[in-house]
C-alpha cells in the first residue's frame, strides 16, 4: 500500500514537472518570436529610413548651382539679350499669354535685326521699303533659342501689318523712340541651378521709362536724360531714378541695374521674379518655359 502511494505521488510530481516544462518552453519560444519580429521591424524601418535618406541625398546631389560668370552661365544669360526697342512688346506678350509663338517670333525678329551674326538673314528685293526676313528663316533661328515642337504660327507680331501673309515675309520697318517717354524692360539674372539635366535661371524683371528733362535747358532739344525704374509693369510703384548717362547704352544697362540691387538701393523683394527652364539640345541652350515665381 505504501509503495502504491509513493508511486502515485511520484506520478503527480512528474506530471506537474512536465506541464511546467511545456509551459516554460512555450513562453520562451513565444518571446523569441516576438523579439525576432520586433528586430525585423526595426531593421526594416532602418533600411527604409536609409533608403529615403539615400534618395534625398541623391536628389540633393543632382542640384548644382552654376556661377553666373561661368561658361554655361554666360551662354544661358545671353537668352536675356532683348533690345530695348522690342522689349515692351516681347515681355507684354509673355505676361499676357505666356511663351507663345508670337513671343518667340518677336524675340527672333529683334535678334536677327540687331545681331550682326545673323545679318545674312536680312534680305532685299526692291519691293519692300527696307529689309525682310522669310518665315522659314525666322522659324529656323527661333529653334536655336526655344523649344519648338510643331510648325510655328506665323502672323503680324508687331501690330503694324509688317508680316506679308502672301509672300510669308517679315518686313523690317524702322522703329525707334517716339514721344516724351520710352518704356522698356530689362531682366537681370541672380541665380542659375541645374537639376536632372535641366537648367533653371531665376531673374529680376525691371520696368523702366526713359525721358529727357528739358526743364533746366533753354533748348528743347537738349536736356538731362533720366531713367525711372519701377517695380511693376504698370509703372505705378517707382523704385529708383537713374541719371547715369550710360543707361542709354544697352551694353552697360545690366551692370548698372545689378549694382542697384547689390547695393540695396532698390528693394529686391519688390522686384518681379521669373524662372526660366532651359534644356540642352544639339549643343544649344533652348528656353522651354518661363514662369513667374
Protein backbone atom coordinates (compact mmCIF):
# COMPACT_ATOMS: atom_id res chain seq x y z
CA UNK A 1 0.00 0.00 0.00
CA UNK A 2 2.83 2.32 0.97
CA UNK A 3 4.57 1.67 -2.36
CA UNK A 4 1.38 2.45 -4.21
CA UNK A 5 1.05 5.85 -2.53
CA UNK A 6 4.67 6.70 -3.31
CA UNK A 7 4.08 5.73 -6.94
CA UNK A 8 1.02 7.99 -7.22
CA UNK A 9 2.86 10.91 -5.63
CA UNK A 10 5.81 10.46 -7.97
CA UNK A 11 3.46 10.32 -10.95
CA UNK A 12 1.73 13.54 -9.90
CA UNK A 13 5.08 15.25 -9.41
CA UNK A 14 6.19 14.05 -12.88
CA UNK A 15 3.00 15.38 -14.48
CA UNK A 16 3.39 18.77 -12.80
CA UNK A 17 7.03 19.00 -13.87
CA UNK A 18 6.09 18.05 -17.45
CA UNK A 19 3.40 20.74 -17.52
CA UNK A 20 5.87 23.30 -16.18
CA UNK A 21 8.47 22.31 -18.77
CA UNK A 22 5.91 22.62 -21.59
CA UNK A 23 4.67 25.98 -20.27
CA UNK A 24 8.19 27.40 -19.95
CA UNK A 25 9.14 26.13 -23.40
CA UNK A 26 6.08 27.74 -24.99
CA UNK A 27 6.81 31.09 -23.29
CA UNK A 28 10.45 31.03 -24.33
CA UNK A 29 9.51 30.27 -27.95
CA UNK A 30 6.84 32.98 -27.99
CA UNK A 31 9.21 35.58 -26.56
CA UNK A 32 11.85 34.68 -29.11
CA UNK A 33 9.36 35.04 -31.94
CA UNK A 34 8.19 38.44 -30.65
CA UNK A 35 11.80 39.61 -30.25
CA UNK A 36 12.57 38.40 -33.74
CA UNK A 37 9.52 40.24 -35.13
CA UNK A 38 10.44 43.43 -33.31
CA UNK A 39 14.03 43.21 -34.51
CA UNK A 40 12.82 42.59 -38.07
CA UNK A 41 10.54 45.65 -37.90
CA UNK A 42 13.37 47.79 -36.52
CA UNK A 43 15.74 46.58 -39.25
CA UNK A 44 13.05 47.20 -41.89
CA UNK A 45 12.46 50.68 -40.56
CA UNK A 46 16.19 51.36 -40.53
CA UNK A 47 16.52 50.13 -44.12
CA UNK A 48 13.53 52.25 -45.16
CA UNK A 49 14.97 55.32 -43.47
CA UNK A 50 18.35 54.63 -45.04
CA UNK A 51 16.76 54.31 -48.49
CA UNK A 52 14.79 57.54 -48.01
CA UNK A 53 17.86 59.36 -46.79
CA UNK A 54 19.80 57.96 -49.73
CA UNK A 55 17.11 59.12 -52.18
CA UNK A 56 17.01 62.57 -50.60
CA UNK A 57 20.79 62.68 -50.75
CA UNK A 58 20.75 61.70 -54.43
CA UNK A 59 18.15 64.38 -55.24
CA UNK A 60 20.17 66.92 -53.34
CA UNK A 61 23.32 65.87 -55.16
CA UNK A 62 21.58 66.35 -58.50
CA UNK A 63 21.00 70.03 -57.78
CA UNK A 64 24.06 72.09 -58.59
CA UNK A 65 24.49 75.84 -58.68
CA UNK A 66 26.06 77.37 -61.77
CA UNK A 67 28.10 80.53 -61.43
CA UNK A 68 26.74 83.45 -63.46
CA UNK A 69 30.18 84.19 -64.91
CA UNK A 70 30.96 80.56 -65.81
CA UNK A 71 30.97 79.40 -69.43
CA UNK A 72 27.49 77.88 -69.10
CA UNK A 73 26.24 80.86 -67.11
CA UNK A 74 27.38 83.31 -69.78
CA UNK A 75 25.80 81.25 -72.58
CA UNK A 76 22.50 80.88 -70.74
CA UNK A 77 22.21 84.55 -69.74
CA UNK A 78 22.57 85.53 -73.40
CA UNK A 79 18.93 84.48 -73.70
CA UNK A 80 18.09 87.67 -71.80
CA UNK A 81 19.55 89.90 -74.51
CA UNK A 82 16.43 91.66 -75.75
CA UNK A 83 16.75 95.06 -77.40
CA UNK A 84 15.09 97.98 -75.61
CA UNK A 85 13.16 98.72 -78.80
CA UNK A 86 11.29 95.38 -78.81
CA UNK A 87 11.37 94.62 -75.07
CA UNK A 88 7.96 96.04 -74.12
CA UNK A 89 6.23 94.07 -76.88
CA UNK A 90 8.06 90.86 -76.01
CA UNK A 91 7.52 90.92 -72.24
CA UNK A 92 3.92 92.09 -72.56
CA UNK A 93 3.17 89.05 -74.71
CA UNK A 94 4.92 86.77 -72.20
CA UNK A 95 3.00 88.19 -69.26
CA UNK A 96 -0.35 88.22 -71.08
CA UNK A 97 -0.31 84.91 -72.97
CA UNK A 98 2.82 83.03 -71.92
CA UNK A 99 5.59 81.68 -74.13
CA UNK A 100 3.56 81.70 -77.36
CA UNK A 101 4.75 81.52 -80.96
CA UNK A 102 4.19 85.27 -81.12
CA UNK A 103 6.57 85.85 -78.20
CA UNK A 104 9.19 83.56 -79.76
CA UNK A 105 8.90 85.35 -83.10
CA UNK A 106 9.22 88.83 -81.54
CA UNK A 107 12.40 87.67 -79.78
CA UNK A 108 13.72 86.15 -83.02
CA UNK A 109 12.93 89.23 -85.13
CA UNK A 110 14.83 91.55 -82.80
CA UNK A 111 17.73 89.08 -82.62
CA UNK A 112 18.14 88.93 -86.41
CA UNK A 113 17.64 92.68 -86.70
CA UNK A 114 20.27 93.68 -84.12
CA UNK A 115 22.77 90.80 -84.03
CA UNK A 116 25.41 91.11 -86.75
CA UNK A 117 25.97 87.34 -86.69
CA UNK A 118 22.51 86.96 -88.25
CA UNK A 119 22.72 89.77 -90.80
CA UNK A 120 22.76 87.22 -93.64
CA UNK A 121 19.07 86.56 -92.92
CA UNK A 122 18.22 90.18 -93.80
CA UNK A 123 17.18 90.26 -97.46
CA UNK A 124 16.28 92.95 -100.02
CA UNK A 125 14.04 92.64 -103.07
CA UNK A 126 13.19 96.23 -104.04
CA UNK A 127 9.51 95.67 -103.27
CA UNK A 128 9.67 96.42 -99.57
CA UNK A 129 10.97 99.78 -98.26
CA UNK A 130 13.74 98.04 -96.33
CA UNK A 131 14.91 94.57 -95.38
CA UNK A 132 12.77 91.49 -94.88
CA UNK A 133 13.15 88.06 -93.28
CA UNK A 134 11.47 84.95 -94.62
CA UNK A 135 9.15 82.94 -92.39
CA UNK A 136 11.35 79.88 -92.89
CA UNK A 137 14.43 81.76 -91.67
CA UNK A 138 12.50 83.14 -88.68
CA UNK A 139 11.48 79.63 -87.68
CA UNK A 140 15.00 78.28 -88.19
CA UNK A 141 16.53 80.91 -85.88
CA UNK A 142 13.68 80.60 -83.35
CA UNK A 143 14.54 76.92 -82.93
CA UNK A 144 18.03 77.91 -81.78
CA UNK A 145 16.63 79.65 -78.70
CA UNK A 146 13.29 77.97 -77.97
CA UNK A 147 11.76 74.52 -77.80
CA UNK A 148 9.51 74.36 -80.90
CA UNK A 149 7.55 71.11 -81.15
CA UNK A 150 5.39 71.92 -84.21
CA UNK A 151 5.31 74.32 -87.17
CA UNK A 152 5.03 77.88 -85.89
CA UNK A 153 2.02 80.09 -86.43
CA UNK A 154 3.33 82.98 -88.49
CA UNK A 155 1.47 86.25 -88.00
CA UNK A 156 1.67 90.01 -87.63
CA UNK A 157 3.67 90.15 -84.42
CA UNK A 158 4.29 93.90 -84.16
CA UNK A 159 0.80 95.23 -84.73
CA UNK A 160 1.80 97.25 -87.79
CA UNK A 161 0.99 94.82 -90.62
CA UNK A 162 4.68 94.10 -91.09
CA UNK A 163 4.04 90.45 -91.98
CA UNK A 164 3.34 89.78 -95.67
CA UNK A 165 0.94 86.82 -95.48
CA UNK A 166 1.02 86.08 -99.22
CA UNK A 167 4.80 86.04 -99.55
CA UNK A 168 5.40 84.83 -95.97
CA UNK A 169 7.92 87.56 -95.22
CA UNK A 170 8.52 89.70 -92.14
CA UNK A 171 9.23 93.27 -93.24
CA UNK A 172 11.69 95.27 -91.14
CA UNK A 173 10.06 98.62 -90.50
CA UNK A 174 12.16 101.30 -88.82
CA UNK A 175 11.34 101.51 -85.13
CA UNK A 176 12.71 103.85 -82.51
CA UNK A 177 11.95 106.10 -79.60
CA UNK A 178 8.97 108.39 -80.12
CA UNK A 179 7.24 110.81 -77.80
CA UNK A 180 8.45 112.11 -74.45
CA UNK A 181 8.61 108.75 -72.66
CA UNK A 182 10.06 105.49 -73.89
CA UNK A 183 9.15 102.35 -71.94
CA UNK A 184 11.42 99.33 -71.93
CA UNK A 185 12.11 96.20 -69.85
CA UNK A 186 15.37 94.62 -68.69
CA UNK A 187 15.95 91.29 -66.91
CA UNK A 188 18.83 90.67 -64.50
CA UNK A 189 19.84 87.07 -63.62
CA UNK A 190 20.62 86.32 -59.98
CA UNK A 191 20.67 82.51 -59.71
CA UNK A 192 21.27 79.55 -62.02
CA UNK A 193 20.94 75.89 -61.00
CA UNK A 194 20.86 72.57 -62.81
CA UNK A 195 18.70 69.58 -61.85
CA UNK A 196 18.16 66.39 -63.87
CA UNK A 197 19.86 67.79 -66.97
CA UNK A 198 17.69 70.92 -66.96
CA UNK A 199 18.91 74.42 -66.21
CA UNK A 200 16.86 76.86 -64.15
CA UNK A 201 17.64 80.56 -64.33
CA UNK A 202 15.99 82.99 -61.92
CA UNK A 203 15.84 86.66 -62.90
CA UNK A 204 14.61 90.04 -61.73
CA UNK A 205 12.38 91.74 -64.30
CA UNK A 206 12.67 95.54 -64.20
CA UNK A 207 10.34 98.04 -65.84
CA UNK A 208 11.86 101.35 -66.92
CA UNK A 209 10.86 104.62 -68.55
CA UNK A 210 13.37 106.87 -70.30
CA UNK A 211 12.67 110.56 -70.73
CA UNK A 212 14.54 113.79 -71.38
CA UNK A 213 14.15 116.51 -68.77
CA UNK A 214 14.44 119.86 -70.58
CA UNK A 215 13.22 122.00 -67.69
CA UNK A 216 16.72 123.30 -66.97
CA UNK A 217 17.63 123.98 -70.62
CA UNK A 218 16.54 126.77 -72.96
CA UNK A 219 16.94 124.45 -75.93
CA UNK A 220 14.04 121.99 -76.15
CA UNK A 221 16.33 119.51 -77.94
CA UNK A 222 18.78 119.44 -75.06
CA UNK A 223 18.25 118.17 -71.57
CA UNK A 224 19.08 115.59 -68.94
CA UNK A 225 18.24 112.00 -69.69
CA UNK A 226 16.51 110.22 -66.84
CA UNK A 227 15.62 106.57 -66.49
CA UNK A 228 12.92 105.80 -63.95
CA UNK A 229 12.90 102.25 -62.59
CA UNK A 230 9.57 100.75 -61.48
CA UNK A 231 8.70 97.57 -59.60
CA UNK A 232 5.55 96.92 -61.64
CA UNK A 233 4.64 96.69 -65.32
CA UNK A 234 2.00 99.45 -64.93
CA UNK A 235 4.79 101.77 -63.77
CA UNK A 236 2.92 102.96 -60.71
CA UNK A 237 5.35 101.85 -58.00
CA UNK A 238 8.58 103.76 -58.53
CA UNK A 239 11.79 102.13 -57.32
CA UNK A 240 14.63 104.47 -58.31
CA UNK A 241 15.57 107.37 -60.55
CA UNK A 242 18.73 106.80 -62.57
CA UNK A 243 20.61 109.78 -64.00
CA UNK A 244 23.58 107.80 -65.32
CA UNK A 245 24.10 108.77 -68.97
CA UNK A 246 25.45 105.33 -69.83
CA UNK A 247 21.96 103.86 -69.32
CA UNK A 248 21.27 104.86 -72.92
CA UNK A 249 23.88 102.26 -73.95
CA UNK A 250 22.36 98.78 -73.64
CA UNK A 251 25.81 97.31 -73.13
CA UNK A 252 26.05 98.90 -69.67
CA UNK A 253 22.42 98.67 -68.52
CA UNK A 254 22.57 95.29 -66.81
CA UNK A 255 25.69 96.20 -64.82
CA UNK A 256 24.12 99.46 -63.63
CA UNK A 257 20.86 97.77 -62.62
CA UNK A 258 22.66 94.87 -60.94
CA UNK A 259 24.66 97.44 -58.98
CA UNK A 260 21.44 98.97 -57.66
CA UNK A 261 20.32 95.54 -56.40
CA UNK A 262 23.68 94.64 -54.85
CA UNK A 263 23.95 97.99 -53.07
CA UNK A 264 20.38 97.70 -51.73
CA UNK A 265 19.37 100.97 -53.36
CA UNK A 266 16.23 99.19 -54.51
CA UNK A 267 14.18 96.58 -52.67
CA UNK A 268 14.81 93.30 -54.48
CA UNK A 269 11.89 91.68 -52.62
CA UNK A 270 9.53 94.01 -54.51
CA UNK A 271 11.00 93.23 -57.93
CA UNK A 272 9.12 90.88 -60.27
CA UNK A 273 10.86 87.48 -60.33
CA UNK A 274 10.71 84.89 -63.10
CA UNK A 275 12.21 81.45 -63.63
CA UNK A 276 13.44 80.14 -67.00
CA UNK A 277 13.52 76.41 -67.69
CA UNK A 278 16.24 75.66 -70.23
CA UNK A 279 17.25 72.40 -71.89
CA UNK A 280 20.33 71.45 -73.88
CA UNK A 281 19.66 70.20 -77.38
CA UNK A 282 22.28 69.74 -80.11
CA UNK A 283 24.75 71.87 -78.13
CA UNK A 284 22.21 74.72 -77.95
CA UNK A 285 20.56 76.06 -74.82
CA UNK A 286 16.83 76.30 -75.52
CA UNK A 287 14.13 78.01 -73.45
CA UNK A 288 11.40 75.53 -72.61
CA UNK A 289 9.31 77.62 -70.22
CA UNK A 290 9.17 80.98 -68.42
CA UNK A 291 7.10 81.30 -65.24
CA UNK A 292 6.57 83.85 -62.52
CA UNK A 293 7.85 82.95 -59.03
